[in-house]
N, C-alpha and C. Protein backbone atom coordinates (compact mmCIF):
# COMPACT_ATOMS: atom_id res chain seq x y z
N UNK A 1 -88.42 26.53 97.35
CA UNK A 1 -87.84 27.76 96.84
C UNK A 1 -88.56 28.95 97.47
N UNK A 2 -87.86 30.05 97.54
CA UNK A 2 -88.44 31.24 98.13
C UNK A 2 -89.54 31.80 97.24
N UNK A 3 -90.57 32.33 97.87
CA UNK A 3 -91.63 32.99 97.14
C UNK A 3 -91.35 34.48 97.13
N UNK A 4 -91.47 35.09 95.99
CA UNK A 4 -91.21 36.51 95.82
C UNK A 4 -92.56 37.22 95.75
N UNK A 5 -92.70 38.30 96.53
CA UNK A 5 -93.94 39.07 96.51
C UNK A 5 -93.89 40.04 95.34
N UNK A 6 -94.24 39.54 94.17
CA UNK A 6 -94.19 40.33 92.94
C UNK A 6 -95.43 40.00 92.13
N UNK A 7 -96.31 40.96 92.00
CA UNK A 7 -97.53 40.76 91.23
C UNK A 7 -97.21 41.00 89.77
N UNK A 8 -97.29 39.94 88.97
CA UNK A 8 -96.98 40.04 87.55
C UNK A 8 -98.26 39.91 86.74
N UNK A 9 -98.40 40.77 85.76
CA UNK A 9 -99.54 40.70 84.87
C UNK A 9 -99.04 40.30 83.49
N UNK A 10 -98.26 39.23 83.47
CA UNK A 10 -97.65 38.73 82.24
C UNK A 10 -98.10 37.29 82.06
N UNK A 11 -98.51 36.95 80.87
CA UNK A 11 -98.89 35.57 80.57
C UNK A 11 -97.67 34.88 79.98
N UNK A 12 -97.23 33.84 80.65
CA UNK A 12 -96.08 33.10 80.16
C UNK A 12 -96.54 32.05 79.15
N UNK A 13 -95.77 31.88 78.09
CA UNK A 13 -96.11 30.95 77.03
C UNK A 13 -95.55 29.57 77.36
N UNK A 14 -96.22 28.55 76.89
CA UNK A 14 -95.70 27.21 76.99
C UNK A 14 -96.03 26.53 78.30
N UNK A 15 -95.59 25.32 78.39
CA UNK A 15 -95.81 24.50 79.56
C UNK A 15 -94.47 24.23 80.23
N UNK A 16 -94.45 24.28 81.53
CA UNK A 16 -93.26 23.98 82.32
C UNK A 16 -92.02 24.69 81.80
N UNK A 17 -92.16 25.98 81.58
CA UNK A 17 -91.05 26.82 81.15
C UNK A 17 -90.66 27.71 82.31
N UNK A 18 -89.37 27.87 82.50
CA UNK A 18 -88.90 28.84 83.48
C UNK A 18 -88.51 30.10 82.72
N UNK A 19 -89.12 31.20 83.13
CA UNK A 19 -88.84 32.49 82.51
C UNK A 19 -88.18 33.40 83.53
N UNK A 20 -87.37 34.31 83.06
CA UNK A 20 -86.78 35.32 83.93
C UNK A 20 -87.50 36.63 83.68
N UNK A 21 -87.85 37.30 84.76
CA UNK A 21 -88.46 38.61 84.68
C UNK A 21 -87.45 39.60 85.27
N UNK A 22 -87.03 40.55 84.46
CA UNK A 22 -86.10 41.58 84.92
C UNK A 22 -86.93 42.83 85.25
N UNK A 23 -86.87 43.22 86.51
CA UNK A 23 -87.55 44.44 86.94
C UNK A 23 -86.58 45.60 86.68
N UNK A 24 -86.98 46.51 85.82
CA UNK A 24 -86.11 47.59 85.37
C UNK A 24 -86.76 48.93 85.71
N UNK A 25 -86.06 49.77 86.47
CA UNK A 25 -86.57 51.10 86.83
C UNK A 25 -86.41 52.01 85.62
N UNK A 26 -87.51 52.60 85.18
CA UNK A 26 -87.45 53.46 84.00
C UNK A 26 -87.78 54.91 84.32
N UNK A 27 -87.93 55.21 85.56
CA UNK A 27 -88.23 56.59 85.96
C UNK A 27 -88.64 56.63 87.42
N UNK A 28 -89.08 57.77 87.84
CA UNK A 28 -89.52 57.95 89.21
C UNK A 28 -90.70 57.04 89.51
N UNK A 29 -90.48 56.02 90.32
CA UNK A 29 -91.53 55.08 90.72
C UNK A 29 -92.18 54.35 89.55
N UNK A 30 -91.50 54.28 88.40
CA UNK A 30 -92.02 53.55 87.25
C UNK A 30 -91.09 52.39 86.94
N UNK A 31 -91.69 51.24 86.68
CA UNK A 31 -90.91 50.04 86.42
C UNK A 31 -91.41 49.34 85.17
N UNK A 32 -90.50 48.69 84.48
CA UNK A 32 -90.86 47.82 83.36
C UNK A 32 -90.47 46.41 83.76
N UNK A 33 -91.25 45.44 83.34
CA UNK A 33 -90.96 44.04 83.64
C UNK A 33 -90.70 43.35 82.31
N UNK A 34 -89.44 43.00 82.08
CA UNK A 34 -89.03 42.43 80.81
C UNK A 34 -88.83 40.94 80.97
N UNK A 35 -89.38 40.19 80.04
CA UNK A 35 -89.36 38.74 80.10
C UNK A 35 -88.26 38.20 79.21
N UNK A 36 -87.54 37.20 79.71
CA UNK A 36 -86.53 36.51 78.91
C UNK A 36 -86.57 35.04 79.27
N UNK A 37 -86.22 34.20 78.34
CA UNK A 37 -86.27 32.76 78.58
C UNK A 37 -84.98 32.29 79.23
N UNK A 38 -85.10 31.39 80.19
CA UNK A 38 -83.93 30.79 80.83
C UNK A 38 -83.68 29.45 80.16
N UNK A 39 -82.50 29.29 79.60
CA UNK A 39 -82.13 28.04 78.93
C UNK A 39 -81.31 27.20 79.90
N UNK A 40 -81.97 26.28 80.58
CA UNK A 40 -81.29 25.47 81.59
C UNK A 40 -80.81 26.36 82.72
N UNK A 41 -79.58 26.16 83.14
CA UNK A 41 -78.99 27.00 84.18
C UNK A 41 -78.02 28.00 83.58
N UNK A 42 -78.12 28.23 82.28
CA UNK A 42 -77.18 29.07 81.57
C UNK A 42 -77.65 30.52 81.55
N UNK A 43 -76.86 31.39 82.17
CA UNK A 43 -77.21 32.81 82.24
C UNK A 43 -76.50 33.62 81.17
N UNK A 44 -75.79 32.97 80.22
CA UNK A 44 -74.94 33.70 79.27
C UNK A 44 -75.69 34.78 78.50
N UNK A 45 -76.85 34.44 77.94
CA UNK A 45 -77.57 35.46 77.15
C UNK A 45 -78.14 36.55 78.06
N UNK A 46 -78.49 36.20 79.29
CA UNK A 46 -79.01 37.21 80.23
C UNK A 46 -77.88 38.17 80.62
N UNK A 47 -76.70 37.63 80.89
CA UNK A 47 -75.53 38.46 81.24
C UNK A 47 -75.18 39.35 80.05
N UNK A 48 -75.25 38.80 78.85
CA UNK A 48 -74.99 39.59 77.65
C UNK A 48 -75.97 40.76 77.53
N UNK A 49 -77.25 40.51 77.83
CA UNK A 49 -78.26 41.58 77.80
C UNK A 49 -77.93 42.65 78.83
N UNK A 50 -77.49 42.24 80.02
CA UNK A 50 -77.10 43.21 81.06
C UNK A 50 -75.90 44.03 80.60
N UNK A 51 -74.90 43.36 80.05
CA UNK A 51 -73.65 44.03 79.68
C UNK A 51 -73.81 44.96 78.48
N UNK A 52 -74.73 44.67 77.58
CA UNK A 52 -74.89 45.53 76.40
C UNK A 52 -75.85 46.69 76.67
N UNK A 53 -76.38 46.78 77.88
CA UNK A 53 -77.21 47.93 78.24
C UNK A 53 -78.67 47.78 77.89
N UNK A 54 -79.15 46.55 77.72
CA UNK A 54 -80.55 46.35 77.40
C UNK A 54 -81.46 46.88 78.51
N UNK A 55 -80.98 46.82 79.75
CA UNK A 55 -81.76 47.29 80.89
C UNK A 55 -81.23 48.64 81.35
N UNK A 56 -82.13 49.58 81.58
CA UNK A 56 -81.78 50.94 81.94
C UNK A 56 -81.24 51.03 83.38
N UNK A 57 -81.98 50.49 84.32
CA UNK A 57 -81.61 50.53 85.73
C UNK A 57 -82.20 49.30 86.42
N UNK A 58 -81.59 48.10 86.20
CA UNK A 58 -82.18 46.87 86.72
C UNK A 58 -82.25 46.86 88.25
N UNK A 59 -83.37 46.36 88.75
CA UNK A 59 -83.61 46.31 90.19
C UNK A 59 -83.44 44.89 90.71
N UNK A 60 -84.05 43.92 90.02
CA UNK A 60 -83.91 42.52 90.41
C UNK A 60 -84.31 41.62 89.26
N UNK A 61 -83.94 40.34 89.40
CA UNK A 61 -84.25 39.32 88.40
C UNK A 61 -84.95 38.18 89.12
N UNK A 62 -86.14 37.82 88.64
CA UNK A 62 -86.93 36.77 89.28
C UNK A 62 -87.20 35.67 88.26
N UNK A 63 -86.93 34.43 88.65
CA UNK A 63 -87.29 33.27 87.83
C UNK A 63 -88.72 32.87 88.20
N UNK A 64 -89.52 32.54 87.18
CA UNK A 64 -90.92 32.18 87.39
C UNK A 64 -91.21 30.90 86.62
N UNK A 65 -91.84 29.95 87.28
CA UNK A 65 -92.32 28.75 86.61
C UNK A 65 -93.77 28.54 87.03
N UNK A 66 -94.70 28.80 86.11
CA UNK A 66 -96.12 28.75 86.44
C UNK A 66 -96.64 27.34 86.60
N UNK A 67 -96.10 26.37 85.84
CA UNK A 67 -96.58 25.00 85.96
C UNK A 67 -96.18 24.40 87.30
N UNK A 68 -94.94 24.65 87.71
CA UNK A 68 -94.46 24.11 88.98
C UNK A 68 -94.81 25.03 90.15
N UNK A 69 -95.38 26.18 89.84
CA UNK A 69 -95.88 27.12 90.84
C UNK A 69 -94.80 27.63 91.80
N UNK A 70 -93.69 28.16 91.23
CA UNK A 70 -92.66 28.74 92.07
C UNK A 70 -92.04 29.96 91.43
N UNK A 71 -91.47 30.79 92.29
CA UNK A 71 -90.66 31.93 91.87
C UNK A 71 -89.40 31.94 92.71
N UNK A 72 -88.34 32.51 92.18
CA UNK A 72 -87.09 32.61 92.93
C UNK A 72 -86.35 33.87 92.48
N UNK A 73 -85.90 34.65 93.45
CA UNK A 73 -85.10 35.83 93.14
C UNK A 73 -83.68 35.36 92.80
N UNK A 74 -83.25 35.61 91.58
CA UNK A 74 -81.91 35.21 91.12
C UNK A 74 -80.96 36.39 91.02
N UNK A 75 -81.32 37.52 91.60
CA UNK A 75 -80.51 38.73 91.48
C UNK A 75 -79.08 38.51 91.95
N UNK A 76 -78.90 37.83 93.06
CA UNK A 76 -77.55 37.57 93.58
C UNK A 76 -76.71 36.73 92.64
N UNK A 77 -77.33 35.70 92.06
CA UNK A 77 -76.61 34.84 91.11
C UNK A 77 -76.24 35.62 89.85
N UNK A 78 -77.16 36.47 89.38
CA UNK A 78 -76.87 37.28 88.20
C UNK A 78 -75.74 38.26 88.50
N UNK A 79 -75.77 38.90 89.67
CA UNK A 79 -74.71 39.83 90.05
C UNK A 79 -73.36 39.12 90.11
N UNK A 80 -73.33 37.92 90.66
CA UNK A 80 -72.07 37.14 90.72
C UNK A 80 -71.55 36.82 89.33
N UNK A 81 -72.46 36.45 88.43
CA UNK A 81 -72.05 36.14 87.06
C UNK A 81 -71.55 37.39 86.32
N UNK A 82 -72.19 38.53 86.55
CA UNK A 82 -71.73 39.78 85.94
C UNK A 82 -70.32 40.10 86.43
N UNK A 83 -70.11 39.97 87.73
CA UNK A 83 -68.80 40.26 88.30
C UNK A 83 -67.73 39.31 87.74
N UNK A 84 -68.07 38.01 87.66
CA UNK A 84 -67.13 37.04 87.10
C UNK A 84 -66.82 37.36 85.64
N UNK A 85 -67.85 37.69 84.88
CA UNK A 85 -67.67 38.05 83.47
C UNK A 85 -66.73 39.25 83.32
N UNK A 86 -66.92 40.27 84.14
CA UNK A 86 -66.09 41.47 84.06
C UNK A 86 -64.64 41.18 84.43
N UNK A 87 -64.45 40.37 85.44
CA UNK A 87 -63.09 40.00 85.85
C UNK A 87 -62.40 39.23 84.72
N UNK A 88 -63.08 38.23 84.16
CA UNK A 88 -62.50 37.43 83.08
C UNK A 88 -62.20 38.26 81.84
N UNK A 89 -63.06 39.22 81.54
CA UNK A 89 -62.89 40.05 80.35
C UNK A 89 -61.96 41.24 80.60
N UNK A 90 -61.57 41.46 81.87
CA UNK A 90 -60.72 42.61 82.20
C UNK A 90 -61.43 43.93 82.03
N UNK A 91 -62.75 43.93 82.25
CA UNK A 91 -63.56 45.13 82.07
C UNK A 91 -64.10 45.62 83.41
N UNK A 92 -64.40 46.91 83.45
CA UNK A 92 -65.09 47.47 84.60
C UNK A 92 -66.57 47.12 84.52
N UNK A 93 -67.21 47.06 85.66
CA UNK A 93 -68.66 46.91 85.68
C UNK A 93 -69.24 48.23 85.20
N UNK A 94 -70.15 48.20 84.23
CA UNK A 94 -70.72 49.45 83.71
C UNK A 94 -71.40 50.27 84.81
N UNK A 95 -71.35 51.58 84.66
CA UNK A 95 -71.95 52.49 85.65
C UNK A 95 -73.42 52.19 85.90
N UNK A 96 -74.17 51.90 84.84
CA UNK A 96 -75.60 51.67 85.00
C UNK A 96 -75.93 50.39 85.78
N UNK A 97 -74.92 49.53 86.00
CA UNK A 97 -75.13 48.31 86.79
C UNK A 97 -74.61 48.43 88.23
N UNK A 98 -73.95 49.54 88.56
CA UNK A 98 -73.34 49.67 89.88
C UNK A 98 -74.36 49.50 91.02
N UNK A 99 -75.50 50.15 90.93
CA UNK A 99 -76.50 50.06 91.99
C UNK A 99 -77.02 48.63 92.14
N UNK A 100 -77.27 47.96 91.02
CA UNK A 100 -77.71 46.57 91.04
C UNK A 100 -76.65 45.69 91.71
N UNK A 101 -75.40 45.92 91.35
CA UNK A 101 -74.31 45.11 91.90
C UNK A 101 -74.17 45.32 93.40
N UNK A 102 -74.23 46.55 93.84
CA UNK A 102 -74.11 46.84 95.28
C UNK A 102 -75.27 46.18 96.04
N UNK A 103 -76.45 46.24 95.48
CA UNK A 103 -77.62 45.67 96.14
C UNK A 103 -77.59 44.15 96.21
N UNK A 104 -76.93 43.50 95.24
CA UNK A 104 -77.07 42.04 95.13
C UNK A 104 -75.77 41.25 95.19
N UNK A 105 -74.62 41.88 95.23
CA UNK A 105 -73.37 41.13 95.27
C UNK A 105 -73.12 40.58 96.66
N UNK A 106 -72.60 39.37 96.69
CA UNK A 106 -72.31 38.72 97.96
C UNK A 106 -71.21 39.42 98.74
N UNK A 107 -70.16 39.87 98.05
CA UNK A 107 -69.03 40.47 98.76
C UNK A 107 -69.15 41.98 98.88
N UNK A 108 -70.16 42.58 98.25
CA UNK A 108 -70.42 44.02 98.30
C UNK A 108 -69.28 44.87 97.75
N UNK A 109 -68.24 44.24 97.17
CA UNK A 109 -67.14 44.99 96.56
C UNK A 109 -67.30 44.89 95.06
N UNK A 110 -68.01 45.81 94.48
CA UNK A 110 -68.42 45.67 93.09
C UNK A 110 -67.65 46.55 92.12
N UNK A 111 -66.75 47.35 92.60
CA UNK A 111 -66.02 48.24 91.71
C UNK A 111 -64.86 47.49 91.08
N UNK A 112 -65.19 46.56 90.20
CA UNK A 112 -64.18 45.74 89.54
C UNK A 112 -63.50 46.58 88.47
N UNK A 113 -62.21 46.71 88.59
CA UNK A 113 -61.42 47.47 87.62
C UNK A 113 -60.60 46.51 86.77
N UNK A 114 -60.37 46.92 85.56
CA UNK A 114 -59.55 46.10 84.66
C UNK A 114 -58.15 45.98 85.22
N UNK A 115 -57.59 44.78 85.08
CA UNK A 115 -56.23 44.54 85.60
C UNK A 115 -55.19 45.12 84.69
């Protein structure tokens, strides 16, 4: 898996747990790193957090597993799931997610409009 150059000063709880760290821009050159648990390969609760505005200006999402000693940038997968969710729900991608979507969407066409 790819290694992400991200210095985290967060202690992860448990053994062999994969956690997601959402890097969220909260101001000029200021970032918050919010931790959420990954339940298998299911991004539903993470997508729900993105859609309800839990993150102010998300920059990227990194999966971290300290026992297995790996990290992986999942931003592209999260962007794809957000886009799929919006299409299925007939909703526009929220304005606060536009920059994240442009940066991480595979097709770069992120202005999903309701049908």
